Each structure stands twice: as structure tokens, then as C-alpha cells.
PDB file of N, CA and C in Angstrom:
ATOM      1  N   MET A   1      37.843 -45.866  32.458  1.00  0.00           N
ATOM      2  CA  MET A   1      39.067 -46.376  31.881  1.00  0.00           C
ATOM      3  C   MET A   1      40.162 -46.323  32.939  1.00  0.00           C
ATOM      4  N   GLU A   2      41.003 -47.321  32.914  1.00  0.00           N
ATOM      5  CA  GLU A   2      42.169 -47.337  33.789  1.00  0.00           C
ATOM      6  C   GLU A   2      43.398 -47.694  32.982  1.00  0.00           C
ATOM      7  N   GLN A   3      44.545 -47.303  33.501  1.00  0.00           N
ATOM      8  CA  GLN A   3      45.819 -47.664  32.896  1.00  0.00           C
ATOM      9  C   GLN A   3      46.638 -48.392  33.947  1.00  0.00           C
ATOM     10  N   PRO A   4      46.459 -49.715  34.061  1.00  0.00           N
ATOM     11  CA  PRO A   4      47.112 -50.459  35.135  1.00  0.00           C
ATOM     12  C   PRO A   4      48.630 -50.488  35.038  1.00  0.00           C
ATOM     13  N   ASP A   5      49.187 -50.296  33.851  1.00  0.00           N
ATOM     14  CA  ASP A   5      50.642 -50.328  33.695  1.00  0.00           C
ATOM     15  C   ASP A   5      51.249 -48.936  33.599  1.00  0.00           C
ATOM     16  N   GLY A   6      50.532 -47.934  34.083  1.00  0.00           N
ATOM     17  CA  GLY A   6      51.060 -46.577  34.079  1.00  0.00           C
ATOM     18  C   GLY A   6      50.593 -45.786  32.865  1.00  0.00           C
ATOM     19  N   TRP A   7      51.092 -44.548  32.746  1.00  0.00           N
ATOM     20  CA  TRP A   7      50.648 -43.636  31.703  1.00  0.00           C
ATOM     21  C   TRP A   7      50.918 -44.156  30.309  1.00  0.00           C
ATOM     22  N   THR A   8      51.995 -44.874  30.138  1.00  0.00           N
ATOM     23  CA  THR A   8      52.343 -45.356  28.800  1.00  0.00           C
ATOM     24  C   THR A   8      51.758 -46.726  28.506  1.00  0.00           C
ATOM     25  N   GLY A   9      51.108 -47.340  29.465  1.00  0.00           N
ATOM     26  CA  GLY A   9      50.545 -48.674  29.282  1.00  0.00           C
ATOM     27  C   GLY A   9      49.209 -48.650  28.569  1.00  0.00           C
ATOM     28  N   ASN A  10      48.684 -49.815  28.349  1.00  0.00           N
ATOM     29  CA  ASN A  10      47.392 -49.958  27.698  1.00  0.00           C
ATOM     30  C   ASN A  10      46.271 -49.482  28.614  1.00  0.00           C
ATOM     31  N   THR A  11      45.150 -49.108  28.007  1.00  0.00           N
ATOM     32  CA  THR A  11      43.984 -48.730  28.790  1.00  0.00           C
ATOM     33  C   THR A  11      43.038 -49.922  28.889  1.00  0.00           C
ATOM     34  N   VAL A  12      42.329 -49.981  29.999  1.00  0.00           N
ATOM     35  CA  VAL A  12      41.394 -51.061  30.263  1.00  0.00           C
ATOM     36  C   VAL A  12      40.042 -50.439  30.559  1.00  0.00           C
ATOM     37  N   LYS A  13      39.002 -50.894  29.858  1.00  0.00           N
ATOM     38  CA  LYS A  13      37.646 -50.409  30.127  1.00  0.00           C
ATOM     39  C   LYS A  13      37.037 -51.290  31.211  1.00  0.00           C
ATOM     40  N   LEU A  14      36.626 -50.671  32.300  1.00  0.00           N
ATOM     41  CA  LEU A  14      36.092 -51.402  33.442  1.00  0.00           C
ATOM     42  C   LEU A  14      34.587 -51.564  33.325  1.00  0.00           C
ATOM     43  N   ASP A  15      34.066 -52.626  33.917  1.00  0.00           N
ATOM     44  CA  ASP A  15      32.622 -52.838  33.955  1.00  0.00           C
ATOM     45  C   ASP A  15      31.975 -52.109  35.127  1.00  0.00           C
ATOM     46  N   VAL A  16      32.740 -51.906  36.189  1.00  0.00           N
ATOM     47  CA  VAL A  16      32.258 -51.177  37.360  1.00  0.00           C
ATOM     48  C   VAL A  16      33.287 -50.112  37.709  1.00  0.00           C
ATOM     49  N   PRO A  17      32.853 -48.990  38.271  1.00  0.00           N
ATOM     50  CA  PRO A  17      33.834 -47.962  38.622  1.00  0.00           C
ATOM     51  C   PRO A  17      34.685 -48.381  39.808  1.00  0.00           C
ATOM     52  N   THR A  18      35.923 -47.930  39.795  1.00  0.00           N
ATOM     53  CA  THR A  18      36.822 -48.152  40.920  1.00  0.00           C
ATOM     54  C   THR A  18      36.767 -46.916  41.796  1.00  0.00           C
ATOM     55  N   VAL A  19      36.397 -47.074  43.051  1.00  0.00           N
ATOM     56  CA  VAL A  19      36.293 -45.952  43.971  1.00  0.00           C
ATOM     57  C   VAL A  19      37.544 -45.939  44.832  1.00  0.00           C
ATOM     58  N   VAL A  20      38.256 -44.810  44.837  1.00  0.00           N
ATOM     59  CA  VAL A  20      39.513 -44.701  45.565  1.00  0.00           C
ATOM     60  C   VAL A  20      39.455 -43.480  46.464  1.00  0.00           C
ATOM     61  N   ASN A  21      39.797 -43.654  47.729  1.00  0.00           N
ATOM     62  CA  ASN A  21      39.924 -42.535  48.650  1.00  0.00           C
ATOM     63  C   ASN A  21      41.367 -42.048  48.536  1.00  0.00           C
ATOM     64  N   LEU A  22      41.579 -40.925  47.862  1.00  0.00           N
ATOM     65  CA  LEU A  22      42.936 -40.457  47.595  1.00  0.00           C
ATOM     66  C   LEU A  22      43.676 -40.016  48.852  1.00  0.00           C
ATOM     67  N   ARG A  23      42.963 -39.677  49.915  1.00  0.00           N
ATOM     68  CA  ARG A  23      43.653 -39.323  51.160  1.00  0.00           C
ATOM     69  C   ARG A  23      44.241 -40.560  51.828  1.00  0.00           C
ATOM     70  N   LEU A  24      43.512 -41.677  51.742  1.00  0.00           N
ATOM     71  CA  LEU A  24      44.012 -42.909  52.341  1.00  0.00           C
ATOM     72  C   LEU A  24      44.937 -43.678  51.406  1.00  0.00           C
ATOM     73  N   ASP A  25      44.752 -43.506  50.099  1.00  0.00           N
ATOM     74  CA  ASP A  25      45.495 -44.276  49.113  1.00  0.00           C
ATOM     75  C   ASP A  25      45.920 -43.373  47.956  1.00  0.00           C
ATOM     76  N   PRO A  26      46.893 -42.471  48.195  1.00  0.00           N
ATOM     77  CA  PRO A  26      47.254 -41.500  47.159  1.00  0.00           C
ATOM     78  C   PRO A  26      47.855 -42.127  45.902  1.00  0.00           C
ATOM     79  N   PHE A  27      48.391 -43.336  46.005  1.00  0.00           N
ATOM     80  CA  PHE A  27      48.979 -43.993  44.833  1.00  0.00           C
ATOM     81  C   PHE A  27      48.002 -44.932  44.137  1.00  0.00           C
ATOM     82  N   GLU A  28      46.754 -44.937  44.585  1.00  0.00           N
ATOM     83  CA  GLU A  28      45.679 -45.729  43.992  1.00  0.00           C
ATOM     84  C   GLU A  28      46.076 -47.200  43.818  1.00  0.00           C
ATOM     85  N   ARG A  29      46.512 -47.806  44.897  1.00  0.00           N
ATOM     86  CA  ARG A  29      46.967 -49.202  44.841  1.00  0.00           C
ATOM     87  C   ARG A  29      45.911 -50.205  45.272  1.00  0.00           C
ATOM     88  N   THR A  30      44.674 -49.763  45.457  1.00  0.00           N
ATOM     89  CA  THR A  30      43.658 -50.691  45.933  1.00  0.00           C
ATOM     90  C   THR A  30      42.936 -51.422  44.813  1.00  0.00           C
ATOM     91  N   ALA A  31      43.327 -51.200  43.574  1.00  0.00           N
ATOM     92  CA  ALA A  31      42.660 -51.876  42.469  1.00  0.00           C
ATOM     93  C   ALA A  31      42.774 -53.386  42.660  1.00  0.00           C
ATOM     94  N   PHE A  32      41.695 -54.106  42.364  1.00  0.00           N
ATOM     95  CA  PHE A  32      41.655 -55.530  42.681  1.00  0.00           C
ATOM     96  C   PHE A  32      41.751 -56.432  41.474  1.00  0.00           C
ATOM     97  N   PHE A  33      41.837 -55.894  40.265  1.00  0.00           N
ATOM     98  CA  PHE A  33      41.828 -56.756  39.092  1.00  0.00           C
ATOM     99  C   PHE A  33      43.208 -57.268  38.713  1.00  0.00           C
ATOM    100  N   LYS A  34      44.253 -56.873  39.420  1.00  0.00           N
ATOM    101  CA  LYS A  34      45.607 -57.292  39.075  1.00  0.00           C
ATOM    102  C   LYS A  34      46.104 -58.369  40.026  1.00  0.00           C
ATOM    103  N   GLY A  35      45.279 -59.313  40.332  1.00  0.00           N
ATOM    104  CA  GLY A  35      45.718 -60.386  41.217  1.00  0.00           C
ATOM    105  C   GLY A  35      45.689 -59.963  42.665  1.00  0.00           C
ATOM    106  N   ASN A  36      46.701 -60.294  43.425  1.00  0.00           N
ATOM    107  CA  ASN A  36      46.755 -60.048  44.857  1.00  0.00           C
ATOM    108  C   ASN A  36      47.467 -58.748  45.203  1.00  0.00           C
ATOM    109  N   VAL A  37      47.589 -57.835  44.269  1.00  0.00           N
ATOM    110  CA  VAL A  37      48.319 -56.603  44.492  1.00  0.00           C
ATOM    111  C   VAL A  37      47.518 -55.617  45.339  1.00  0.00           C
ATOM    112  N   GLY A  38      46.203 -55.647  45.226  1.00  0.00           N
ATOM    113  CA  GLY A  38      45.349 -54.660  45.878  1.00  0.00           C
ATOM    114  C   GLY A  38      45.173 -54.896  47.359  1.00  0.00           C
ATOM    115  N   SER A  39      44.251 -54.149  47.917  1.00  0.00           N
ATOM    116  CA  SER A  39      43.988 -54.195  49.340  1.00  0.00           C
ATOM    117  C   SER A  39      42.605 -54.785  49.598  1.00  0.00           C
ATOM    118  N   GLN A  40      42.482 -55.561  50.653  1.00  0.00           N
ATOM    119  CA  GLN A  40      41.177 -56.100  51.020  1.00  0.00           C
ATOM    120  C   GLN A  40      40.265 -54.998  51.552  1.00  0.00           C
ATOM    121  N   GLU A  41      40.828 -53.875  51.964  1.00  0.00           N
ATOM    122  CA  GLU A  41      40.021 -52.770  52.459  1.00  0.00           C
ATOM    123  C   GLU A  41      39.134 -52.200  51.367  1.00  0.00           C
ATOM    124  N   TYR A  42      39.482 -52.445  50.115  1.00  0.00           N
ATOM    125  CA  TYR A  42      38.634 -51.990  49.013  1.00  0.00           C
ATOM    126  C   TYR A  42      37.245 -52.596  49.146  1.00  0.00           C
ATOM    127  N   PHE A  43      37.184 -53.864  49.474  1.00  0.00           N
ATOM    128  CA  PHE A  43      35.896 -54.530  49.616  1.00  0.00           C
ATOM    129  C   PHE A  43      35.195 -54.124  50.908  1.00  0.00           C
ATOM    130  N   GLU A  44      35.940 -53.758  51.928  1.00  0.00           N
ATOM    131  CA  GLU A  44      35.347 -53.273  53.178  1.00  0.00           C
ATOM    132  C   GLU A  44      34.555 -51.992  52.911  1.00  0.00           C
ATOM    133  N   TRP A  45      35.048 -51.154  52.015  1.00  0.00           N
ATOM    134  CA  TRP A  45      34.343 -49.925  51.688  1.00  0.00           C
ATOM    135  C   TRP A  45      32.952 -50.260  51.163  1.00  0.00           C
ATOM    136  N   TYR A  46      32.872 -51.240  50.263  1.00  0.00           N
ATOM    137  CA  TYR A  46      31.569 -51.627  49.720  1.00  0.00           C
ATOM    138  C   TYR A  46      30.648 -52.137  50.820  1.00  0.00           C
ATOM    139  N   LYS A  47      31.187 -52.857  51.758  1.00  0.00           N
ATOM    140  CA  LYS A  47      30.351 -53.426  52.818  1.00  0.00           C
ATOM    141  C   LYS A  47      29.659 -52.332  53.634  1.00  0.00           C
ATOM    142  N   PHE A  48      30.367 -51.251  53.906  1.00  0.00           N
ATOM    143  CA  PHE A  48      29.820 -50.209  54.764  1.00  0.00           C
ATOM    144  C   PHE A  48      29.177 -49.048  54.007  1.00  0.00           C
ATOM    145  N   GLU A  49      29.515 -48.858  52.754  1.00  0.00           N
ATOM    146  CA  GLU A  49      29.054 -47.678  52.032  1.00  0.00           C
ATOM    147  C   GLU A  49      28.150 -47.977  50.839  1.00  0.00           C
ATOM    148  N   PHE A  50      27.842 -49.231  50.580  1.00  0.00           N
ATOM    149  CA  PHE A  50      27.064 -49.566  49.393  1.00  0.00           C
ATOM    150  C   PHE A  50      25.641 -49.032  49.460  1.00  0.00           C
ATOM    151  N   TRP A  51      25.147 -48.725  50.642  1.00  0.00           N
ATOM    152  CA  TRP A  51      23.797 -48.190  50.787  1.00  0.00           C
ATOM    153  C   TRP A  51      23.628 -46.900  49.991  1.00  0.00           C
ATOM    154  N   ARG A  52      24.714 -46.169  49.765  1.00  0.00           N
ATOM    155  CA  ARG A  52      24.631 -44.915  49.021  1.00  0.00           C
ATOM    156  C   ARG A  52      24.188 -45.143  47.577  1.00  0.00           C
ATOM    157  N   PHE A  53      24.547 -46.280  47.012  1.00  0.00           N
ATOM    158  CA  PHE A  53      24.178 -46.565  45.627  1.00  0.00           C
ATOM    159  C   PHE A  53      22.668 -46.721  45.480  1.00  0.00           C
ATOM    160  N   VAL A  54      21.998 -47.192  46.527  1.00  0.00           N
ATOM    161  CA  VAL A  54      20.538 -47.323  46.483  1.00  0.00           C
ATOM    162  C   VAL A  54      19.910 -45.937  46.391  1.00  0.00           C
ATOM    163  N   LEU A  55      20.413 -44.981  47.150  1.00  0.00           N
ATOM    164  CA  LEU A  55      19.908 -43.609  47.107  1.00  0.00           C
ATOM    165  C   LEU A  55      20.115 -43.011  45.716  1.00  0.00           C
ATOM    166  N   VAL A  56      21.287 -43.209  45.142  1.00  0.00           N
ATOM    167  CA  VAL A  56      21.563 -42.685  43.808  1.00  0.00           C
ATOM    168  C   VAL A  56      20.625 -43.330  42.790  1.00  0.00           C
ATOM    169  N   GLN A  57      20.397 -44.630  42.922  1.00  0.00           N
ATOM    170  CA  GLN A  57      19.486 -45.335  42.006  1.00  0.00           C
ATOM    171  C   GLN A  57      18.084 -44.730  42.084  1.00  0.00           C
ATOM    172  N   GLN A  58      17.618 -44.417  43.278  1.00  0.00           N
ATOM    173  CA  GLN A  58      16.294 -43.819  43.430  1.00  0.00           C
ATOM    174  C   GLN A  58      16.232 -42.439  42.778  1.00  0.00           C
ATOM    175  N   LYS A  59      17.274 -41.641  42.932  1.00  0.00           N
ATOM    176  CA  LYS A  59      17.295 -40.296  42.335  1.00  0.00           C
ATOM    177  C   LYS A  59      17.329 -40.383  40.812  1.00  0.00           C
ATOM    178  N   VAL A  60      18.077 -41.327  40.266  1.00  0.00           N
ATOM    179  CA  VAL A  60      18.113 -41.506  38.812  1.00  0.00           C
ATOM    180  C   VAL A  60      16.750 -41.954  38.302  1.00  0.00           C
ATOM    181  N   GLU A  61      16.075 -42.812  39.066  1.00  0.00           N
ATOM    182  CA  GLU A  61      14.735 -43.255  38.674  1.00  0.00           C
ATOM    183  C   GLU A  61      13.768 -42.071  38.628  1.00  0.00           C
ATOM    184  N   GLU A  62      13.836 -41.186  39.641  1.00  0.00           N
ATOM    185  CA  GLU A  62      12.985 -39.991  39.650  1.00  0.00           C
ATOM    186  C   GLU A  62      13.246 -39.130  38.418  1.00  0.00           C
ATOM    187  N   LEU A  63      14.509 -38.950  38.100  1.00  0.00           N
ATOM    188  CA  LEU A  63      14.872 -38.141  36.936  1.00  0.00           C
ATOM    189  C   LEU A  63      14.378 -38.795  35.641  1.00  0.00           C
ATOM    190  N   ALA A  64      14.503 -40.106  35.527  1.00  0.00           N
ATOM    191  CA  ALA A  64      14.060 -40.812  34.322  1.00  0.00           C
ATOM    192  C   ALA A  64      12.547 -40.711  34.151  1.00  0.00           C
ATOM    193  N   LYS A  65      11.799 -40.719  35.243  1.00  0.00           N
ATOM    194  CA  LYS A  65      10.339 -40.606  35.153  1.00  0.00           C
ATOM    195  C   LYS A  65       9.918 -39.246  34.610  1.00  0.00           C
ATOM    196  N   THR A  66      10.701 -38.207  34.845  1.00  0.00           N
ATOM    197  CA  THR A  66      10.352 -36.890  34.312  1.00  0.00           C
ATOM    198  C   THR A  66      10.457 -36.861  32.788  1.00  0.00           C
ATOM    199  N   ALA A  67      11.256 -37.755  32.209  1.00  0.00           N
ATOM    200  CA  ALA A  67      11.379 -37.800  30.747  1.00  0.00           C
ATOM    201  C   ALA A  67      10.092 -38.297  30.105  1.00  0.00           C
ATOM    202  N   ILE A  68       9.261 -39.021  30.836  1.00  0.00           N
ATOM    203  CA  ILE A  68       7.978 -39.471  30.308  1.00  0.00           C
ATOM    204  C   ILE A  68       7.001 -38.297  30.257  1.00  0.00           C
ATOM    205  N   GLU A  69       6.970 -37.535  31.341  1.00  0.00           N
ATOM    206  CA  GLU A  69       6.057 -36.390  31.399  1.00  0.00           C
ATOM    207  C   GLU A  69       6.544 -35.236  30.527  1.00  0.00           C
ATOM    208  N   PHE A  70       7.855 -35.019  30.488  1.00  0.00           N
ATOM    209  CA  PHE A  70       8.457 -33.943  29.708  1.00  0.00           C
ATOM    210  C   PHE A  70       9.494 -34.552  28.769  1.00  0.00           C
ATOM    211  N   PRO A  71       9.063 -35.093  27.622  1.00  0.00           N
ATOM    212  CA  PRO A  71      10.021 -35.749  26.724  1.00  0.00           C
ATOM    213  C   PRO A  71      11.018 -34.758  26.134  1.00  0.00           C
ATOM    214  N   PRO A  72      12.193 -35.238  25.747  1.00  0.00           N
ATOM    215  CA  PRO A  72      13.197 -34.343  25.157  1.00  0.00           C
ATOM    216  C   PRO A  72      12.649 -33.679  23.891  1.00  0.00           C
ATOM    217  N   MET A  73      12.984 -32.416  23.682  1.00  0.00           N
ATOM    218  CA  MET A  73      12.467 -31.661  22.545  1.00  0.00           C
ATOM    219  C   MET A  73      13.363 -31.769  21.319  1.00  0.00           C
ATOM    220  N   GLN A  74      14.600 -32.190  21.486  1.00  0.00           N
ATOM    221  CA  GLN A  74      15.517 -32.242  20.359  1.00  0.00           C
ATOM    222  C   GLN A  74      16.389 -33.482  20.450  1.00  0.00           C
ATOM    223  N   LYS A  75      16.978 -33.824  19.326  1.00  0.00           N
ATOM    224  CA  LYS A  75      17.884 -34.960  19.311  1.00  0.00           C
ATOM    225  C   LYS A  75      19.154 -34.603  20.073  1.00  0.00           C
ATOM    226  N   GLY A  76      19.843 -35.608  20.514  1.00  0.00           N
ATOM    227  CA  GLY A  76      21.103 -35.384  21.198  1.00  0.00           C
ATOM    228  C   GLY A  76      22.170 -34.906  20.234  1.00  0.00           C
ATOM    229  N   ALA A  77      23.306 -34.475  20.774  1.00  0.00           N
ATOM    230  CA  ALA A  77      24.405 -33.996  19.943  1.00  0.00           C
ATOM    231  C   ALA A  77      24.856 -35.101  18.996  1.00  0.00           C
ATOM    232  N   SER A  78      25.071 -34.741  17.742  1.00  0.00           N
ATOM    233  CA  SER A  78      25.429 -35.750  16.753  1.00  0.00           C
ATOM    234  C   SER A  78      26.913 -35.735  16.439  1.00  0.00           C
ATOM    235  N   PHE A  79      27.669 -34.862  17.088  1.00  0.00           N
ATOM    236  CA  PHE A  79      29.095 -34.821  16.781  1.00  0.00           C
ATOM    237  C   PHE A  79      29.832 -35.804  17.677  1.00  0.00           C
ATOM    238  N   GLY A  80      30.426 -36.741  17.049  1.00  0.00           N
ATOM    239  CA  GLY A  80      31.215 -37.757  17.727  1.00  0.00           C
ATOM    240  C   GLY A  80      31.840 -38.625  16.655  1.00  0.00           C
ATOM    241  N   ILE A  81      32.714 -39.507  17.041  1.00  0.00           N
ATOM    242  CA  ILE A  81      33.417 -40.320  16.057  1.00  0.00           C
ATOM    243  C   ILE A  81      32.453 -41.224  15.296  1.00  0.00           C
ATOM    244  N   ASP A  82      31.432 -41.734  15.969  1.00  0.00           N
ATOM    245  CA  ASP A  82      30.455 -42.581  15.269  1.00  0.00           C
ATOM    246  C   ASP A  82      29.687 -41.786  14.214  1.00  0.00           C
ATOM    247  N   ALA A  83      29.309 -40.552  14.547  1.00  0.00           N
ATOM    248  CA  ALA A  83      28.592 -39.719  13.592  1.00  0.00           C
ATOM    249  C   ALA A  83      29.479 -39.367  12.401  1.00  0.00           C
ATOM    250  N   VAL A  84      30.745 -39.089  12.660  1.00  0.00           N
ATOM    251  CA  VAL A  84      31.673 -38.759  11.572  1.00  0.00           C
ATOM    252  C   VAL A  84      31.856 -39.970  10.663  1.00  0.00           C
ATOM    253  N   LYS A  85      32.014 -41.163  11.262  1.00  0.00           N
ATOM    254  CA  LYS A  85      32.165 -42.380  10.457  1.00  0.00           C
ATOM    255  C   LYS A  85      30.918 -42.642   9.623  1.00  0.00           C
ATOM    256  N   ALA A  86      29.746 -42.378  10.188  1.00  0.00           N
ATOM    257  CA  ALA A  86      28.498 -42.572   9.442  1.00  0.00           C
ATOM    258  C   ALA A  86      28.407 -41.603   8.276  1.00  0.00           C
ATOM    259  N   GLN A  87      28.830 -40.356   8.482  1.00  0.00           N
ATOM    260  CA  GLN A  87      28.816 -39.372   7.401  1.00  0.00           C
ATOM    261  C   GLN A  87      29.779 -39.767   6.290  1.00  0.00           C
ATOM    262  N   ILE A  88      30.941 -40.262   6.646  1.00  0.00           N
ATOM    263  CA  ILE A  88      31.915 -40.697   5.642  1.00  0.00           C
ATOM    264  C   ILE A  88      31.370 -41.887   4.864  1.00  0.00           C
ATOM    265  N   ALA A  89      30.759 -42.848   5.570  1.00  0.00           N
ATOM    266  CA  ALA A  89      30.185 -44.013   4.897  1.00  0.00           C
ATOM    267  C   ALA A  89      29.064 -43.602   3.947  1.00  0.00           C
ATOM    268  N   GLU A  90      28.236 -42.647   4.364  1.00  0.00           N
ATOM    269  CA  GLU A  90      27.146 -42.166   3.516  1.00  0.00           C
ATOM    270  C   GLU A  90      27.697 -41.466   2.281  1.00  0.00           C
ATOM    271  N   ALA A  91      28.730 -40.642   2.449  1.00  0.00           N
ATOM    272  CA  ALA A  91      29.340 -39.951   1.303  1.00  0.00           C
ATOM    273  C   ALA A  91      29.964 -40.949   0.335  1.00  0.00           C
ATOM    274  N   MET A  92      30.609 -41.990   0.854  1.00  0.00           N
ATOM    275  CA  MET A  92      31.206 -43.013  -0.004  1.00  0.00           C
ATOM    276  C   MET A  92      30.118 -43.780  -0.760  1.00  0.00           C
ATOM    277  N   ARG A  93      29.007 -44.076  -0.082  1.00  0.00           N
ATOM    278  CA  ARG A  93      27.910 -44.792  -0.712  1.00  0.00           C
ATOM    279  C   ARG A  93      27.304 -43.955  -1.849  1.00  0.00           C
ATOM    280  N   LYS A  94      27.139 -42.653  -1.617  1.00  0.00           N
ATOM    281  CA  LYS A  94      26.607 -41.773  -2.663  1.00  0.00           C
ATOM    282  C   LYS A  94      27.571 -41.672  -3.840  1.00  0.00           C
ATOM    283  N   GLN A  95      28.860 -41.624  -3.557  1.00  0.00           N
ATOM    284  CA  GLN A  95      29.846 -41.499  -4.626  1.00  0.00           C
ATOM    285  C   GLN A  95      29.881 -42.763  -5.490  1.00  0.00           C
ATOM    286  N   HIS A  96      29.771 -43.917  -4.869  1.00  0.00           N
ATOM    287  CA  HIS A  96      29.766 -45.181  -5.619  1.00  0.00           C
ATOM    288  C   HIS A  96      28.475 -45.360  -6.405  1.00  0.00           C
ATOM    289  N   ALA A  97      27.408 -44.740  -5.954  1.00  0.00           N
ATOM    290  CA  ALA A  97      26.121 -44.861  -6.653  1.00  0.00           C
ATOM    291  C   ALA A  97      26.102 -44.044  -7.944  1.00  0.00           C
ATOM    292  N   GLN A  98      26.950 -43.033  -8.034  1.00  0.00           N
ATOM    293  CA  GLN A  98      26.964 -42.167  -9.227  1.00  0.00           C
ATOM    294  C   GLN A  98      27.629 -42.823 -10.377  1.00  0.00           C
TER     295      GLN A  98
END
């Protein structure tokens, strides 16, 4: 999530993460989705450093393969807004059925 208009502005859900070097850009002005405001150096970073994503992809693949050999023993955590909404909907459905 980003807030392009500052702390009080709207939030924007990004499709790809924005990588910012805070030592070189402490005000995080390299974002490229706001027209020509950003820096072209943002794309230079991808040109020279994108190889790292291949390594991460390989490590995630290794980890995912272990789930086949050692499947999860329990369900994931059910506490979240979706779970709460589902519980409320189920309670309402039971109440209307009575």
C-alpha cells in the first residue's frame, strides 16, 4: 500500500512492490506511477539488480516443494475480517431460519 498524497491522502494498492533506497532517496520521490514526478534511476535499479528476484523465486520454489512432502498439519489462522464477516452472516442466516 502507498499513500501518494501523504498521510491524510487515499491509499493505493500496488501490483508490484516499490523498492526505495532510503539513503539515496530519503523522501521516497522515485515512485513512477504519478506521471513524470519520479526518477528514471528507479528503472536503472531494476536493470542491474533484477537478477536477485530469480534467486528469491528459486528459494520460494524450494520451500513450496517441502509442503508436498510435509503437508501442513492444521488450518491457517481464522481470525480476520473475512472470518468475522462469515461468522456474522452465518449467525444471521441461523436467526432467520428460526
